[in-house]
């Protein structure tokens, strides 16, 4: 986040967006939604890579629900 964004309160930011033309507001919403999707995708990729690494290191077990319950109760 840039320094300029830090100096605005959330309310100031909302008011600034509300003062924009409707088309610009719509464009901003689309841009923010795309960035959120990109960040979630990047987080998912990182989680998948970490899980694959854990599996390769032998830190992950495969099994049924019954296997899991047995491990938890042992």
N, C-alpha and C. Protein backbone atom coordinates (compact mmCIF):
# COMPACT_ATOMS: atom_id res chain seq x y z
N UNK A 1 0.84 -1.18 0.00
CA UNK A 1 0.00 0.00 0.00
C UNK A 1 0.88 1.23 0.00
N UNK A 2 0.51 2.24 -0.73
CA UNK A 2 1.34 3.43 -0.83
C UNK A 2 1.16 4.32 0.39
N UNK A 3 2.11 5.24 0.60
CA UNK A 3 2.05 6.16 1.72
C UNK A 3 0.84 7.05 1.66
N UNK A 4 0.42 7.44 0.46
CA UNK A 4 -0.73 8.32 0.30
C UNK A 4 -2.00 7.64 0.80
N UNK A 5 -2.12 6.35 0.55
CA UNK A 5 -3.31 5.63 0.99
C UNK A 5 -3.35 5.53 2.50
N UNK A 6 -2.20 5.47 3.14
CA UNK A 6 -2.15 5.39 4.60
C UNK A 6 -2.62 6.68 5.24
N UNK A 7 -2.48 7.82 4.55
CA UNK A 7 -2.83 9.09 5.15
C UNK A 7 -4.33 9.36 5.09
N UNK A 8 -5.08 8.57 4.32
CA UNK A 8 -6.53 8.73 4.23
C UNK A 8 -7.21 7.80 5.22
N UNK A 9 -8.20 8.31 5.92
CA UNK A 9 -8.99 7.42 6.76
C UNK A 9 -9.94 6.64 5.84
N UNK A 10 -10.49 5.58 6.35
CA UNK A 10 -11.41 4.79 5.55
C UNK A 10 -12.59 5.65 5.11
N UNK A 11 -13.10 6.47 6.01
CA UNK A 11 -14.23 7.34 5.67
C UNK A 11 -13.85 8.32 4.58
N UNK A 12 -12.63 8.89 4.67
CA UNK A 12 -12.16 9.82 3.62
C UNK A 12 -12.10 9.11 2.28
N UNK A 13 -11.64 7.88 2.31
CA UNK A 13 -11.54 7.09 1.09
C UNK A 13 -12.92 6.85 0.48
N UNK A 14 -13.89 6.48 1.32
CA UNK A 14 -15.26 6.26 0.85
C UNK A 14 -15.82 7.54 0.23
N UNK A 15 -15.61 8.65 0.90
CA UNK A 15 -16.11 9.92 0.39
C UNK A 15 -15.45 10.29 -0.93
N UNK A 16 -14.16 10.00 -1.06
CA UNK A 16 -13.46 10.29 -2.31
C UNK A 16 -14.03 9.45 -3.44
N UNK A 17 -14.30 8.17 -3.16
CA UNK A 17 -14.87 7.29 -4.18
C UNK A 17 -16.28 7.75 -4.56
N UNK A 18 -17.06 8.13 -3.55
CA UNK A 18 -18.42 8.58 -3.82
C UNK A 18 -18.46 9.86 -4.66
N UNK A 19 -17.41 10.65 -4.60
CA UNK A 19 -17.37 11.89 -5.37
C UNK A 19 -16.97 11.64 -6.83
N UNK A 20 -16.53 10.42 -7.13
CA UNK A 20 -16.13 10.08 -8.49
C UNK A 20 -17.37 9.85 -9.36
N UNK A 21 -17.23 10.05 -10.67
CA UNK A 21 -18.34 9.70 -11.57
C UNK A 21 -18.66 8.21 -11.45
N UNK A 22 -19.90 7.87 -11.71
CA UNK A 22 -20.37 6.49 -11.55
C UNK A 22 -19.56 5.50 -12.38
N UNK A 23 -19.22 5.87 -13.60
CA UNK A 23 -18.41 4.98 -14.44
C UNK A 23 -17.05 4.70 -13.82
N UNK A 24 -16.44 5.74 -13.24
CA UNK A 24 -15.15 5.56 -12.58
C UNK A 24 -15.28 4.67 -11.34
N UNK A 25 -16.38 4.84 -10.61
CA UNK A 25 -16.62 3.98 -9.44
C UNK A 25 -16.73 2.52 -9.88
N UNK A 26 -17.46 2.28 -10.95
CA UNK A 26 -17.62 0.92 -11.46
C UNK A 26 -16.28 0.34 -11.90
N UNK A 27 -15.49 1.16 -12.57
CA UNK A 27 -14.17 0.70 -13.01
C UNK A 27 -13.29 0.37 -11.81
N UNK A 28 -13.38 1.20 -10.77
CA UNK A 28 -12.59 0.97 -9.55
C UNK A 28 -13.01 -0.34 -8.88
N UNK A 29 -14.31 -0.58 -8.81
CA UNK A 29 -14.81 -1.83 -8.21
C UNK A 29 -14.28 -3.03 -8.99
N UNK A 30 -14.34 -2.97 -10.31
CA UNK A 30 -13.84 -4.07 -11.14
C UNK A 30 -12.35 -4.28 -10.91
N UNK A 31 -11.60 -3.20 -10.84
CA UNK A 31 -10.15 -3.29 -10.62
C UNK A 31 -9.85 -3.92 -9.26
N UNK A 32 -10.54 -3.47 -8.24
CA UNK A 32 -10.32 -4.02 -6.89
C UNK A 32 -10.69 -5.50 -6.86
N UNK A 33 -11.82 -5.86 -7.47
CA UNK A 33 -12.23 -7.27 -7.50
C UNK A 33 -11.20 -8.13 -8.21
N UNK A 34 -10.66 -7.65 -9.32
CA UNK A 34 -9.63 -8.41 -10.04
C UNK A 34 -8.38 -8.58 -9.18
N UNK A 35 -7.99 -7.53 -8.47
CA UNK A 35 -6.80 -7.64 -7.61
C UNK A 35 -7.03 -8.59 -6.45
N UNK A 36 -8.23 -8.59 -5.90
CA UNK A 36 -8.56 -9.54 -4.83
C UNK A 36 -8.46 -10.96 -5.35
N UNK A 37 -9.01 -11.20 -6.55
CA UNK A 37 -8.94 -12.53 -7.16
C UNK A 37 -7.49 -12.94 -7.38
N UNK A 38 -6.67 -12.01 -7.87
CA UNK A 38 -5.25 -12.32 -8.10
C UNK A 38 -4.54 -12.66 -6.80
N UNK A 39 -4.83 -11.91 -5.73
CA UNK A 39 -4.20 -12.19 -4.44
C UNK A 39 -4.64 -13.54 -3.89
N UNK A 40 -5.93 -13.84 -4.00
CA UNK A 40 -6.42 -15.14 -3.53
C UNK A 40 -5.80 -16.27 -4.32
N UNK A 41 -5.65 -16.06 -5.63
CA UNK A 41 -5.04 -17.08 -6.48
C UNK A 41 -3.58 -17.30 -6.06
N UNK A 42 -2.87 -16.21 -5.79
CA UNK A 42 -1.48 -16.31 -5.37
C UNK A 42 -1.37 -17.03 -4.03
N UNK A 43 -2.29 -16.73 -3.11
CA UNK A 43 -2.29 -17.41 -1.81
C UNK A 43 -2.56 -18.90 -1.99
N UNK A 44 -3.49 -19.24 -2.86
CA UNK A 44 -3.81 -20.65 -3.12
C UNK A 44 -2.61 -21.37 -3.72
N UNK A 45 -1.93 -20.74 -4.66
CA UNK A 45 -0.74 -21.34 -5.27
C UNK A 45 0.31 -21.60 -4.19
N UNK A 46 0.52 -20.62 -3.30
CA UNK A 46 1.50 -20.79 -2.23
C UNK A 46 1.11 -21.94 -1.30
N UNK A 47 -0.18 -22.05 -0.98
CA UNK A 47 -0.65 -23.13 -0.12
C UNK A 47 -0.45 -24.49 -0.79
N UNK A 48 -0.75 -24.57 -2.07
CA UNK A 48 -0.58 -25.83 -2.80
C UNK A 48 0.91 -26.21 -2.83
N UNK A 49 1.78 -25.23 -3.10
CA UNK A 49 3.22 -25.51 -3.13
C UNK A 49 3.70 -25.99 -1.76
N UNK A 50 3.22 -25.36 -0.69
CA UNK A 50 3.62 -25.77 0.65
C UNK A 50 3.11 -27.18 0.95
N UNK A 51 1.89 -27.48 0.55
CA UNK A 51 1.33 -28.81 0.79
C UNK A 51 2.09 -29.87 0.01
N UNK A 52 2.42 -29.57 -1.23
CA UNK A 52 3.21 -30.52 -2.03
C UNK A 52 4.58 -30.75 -1.40
N UNK A 53 5.18 -29.68 -0.91
CA UNK A 53 6.48 -29.81 -0.25
C UNK A 53 6.38 -30.66 1.00
N UNK A 54 5.32 -30.44 1.79
CA UNK A 54 5.11 -31.24 3.00
C UNK A 54 4.90 -32.71 2.64
N UNK A 55 4.19 -32.95 1.56
CA UNK A 55 3.96 -34.33 1.12
C UNK A 55 5.27 -34.98 0.71
N UNK A 56 6.10 -34.26 -0.04
CA UNK A 56 7.40 -34.80 -0.47
C UNK A 56 8.32 -35.06 0.71
N UNK A 57 8.20 -34.25 1.77
CA UNK A 57 9.03 -34.43 2.96
C UNK A 57 8.47 -35.51 3.89
N UNK A 58 7.34 -36.06 3.53
CA UNK A 58 6.74 -37.12 4.34
C UNK A 58 5.99 -36.60 5.54
N UNK A 59 5.60 -35.33 5.51
CA UNK A 59 4.90 -34.73 6.64
C UNK A 59 3.38 -34.85 6.52
N UNK A 60 2.91 -35.46 5.45
CA UNK A 60 1.48 -35.58 5.21
C UNK A 60 1.14 -37.05 5.06
N UNK A 61 0.07 -37.46 5.69
CA UNK A 61 -0.39 -38.83 5.58
C UNK A 61 -1.65 -38.87 4.72
N UNK A 62 -1.84 -40.01 4.06
CA UNK A 62 -3.07 -40.23 3.30
C UNK A 62 -3.86 -41.30 4.01
N UNK A 63 -5.16 -41.19 3.95
CA UNK A 63 -5.98 -42.23 4.55
C UNK A 63 -7.44 -41.83 4.56
N UNK A 64 -8.21 -42.67 5.17
CA UNK A 64 -9.65 -42.44 5.27
C UNK A 64 -9.95 -41.64 6.52
N UNK A 65 -11.19 -41.26 6.66
CA UNK A 65 -11.63 -40.57 7.87
C UNK A 65 -11.40 -41.46 9.09
N UNK A 66 -11.65 -42.74 8.92
CA UNK A 66 -11.43 -43.68 10.03
C UNK A 66 -9.96 -43.72 10.43
N UNK A 67 -9.06 -43.66 9.44
CA UNK A 67 -7.62 -43.62 9.73
C UNK A 67 -7.28 -42.37 10.54
N UNK A 68 -7.86 -41.26 10.16
CA UNK A 68 -7.61 -40.00 10.87
C UNK A 68 -8.09 -40.10 12.31
N UNK A 69 -9.29 -40.61 12.49
CA UNK A 69 -9.82 -40.74 13.86
C UNK A 69 -8.97 -41.68 14.70
N UNK A 70 -8.50 -42.76 14.11
CA UNK A 70 -7.64 -43.70 14.83
C UNK A 70 -6.35 -43.00 15.26
N UNK A 71 -5.74 -42.22 14.35
CA UNK A 71 -4.49 -41.50 14.67
C UNK A 71 -4.74 -40.48 15.78
N UNK A 72 -5.87 -39.81 15.74
CA UNK A 72 -6.16 -38.80 16.75
C UNK A 72 -6.40 -39.42 18.13
N UNK A 73 -6.98 -40.61 18.15
CA UNK A 73 -7.29 -41.26 19.41
C UNK A 73 -6.12 -42.04 20.00
N UNK A 74 -5.11 -42.32 19.20
CA UNK A 74 -3.92 -43.05 19.69
C UNK A 74 -2.99 -42.15 20.46
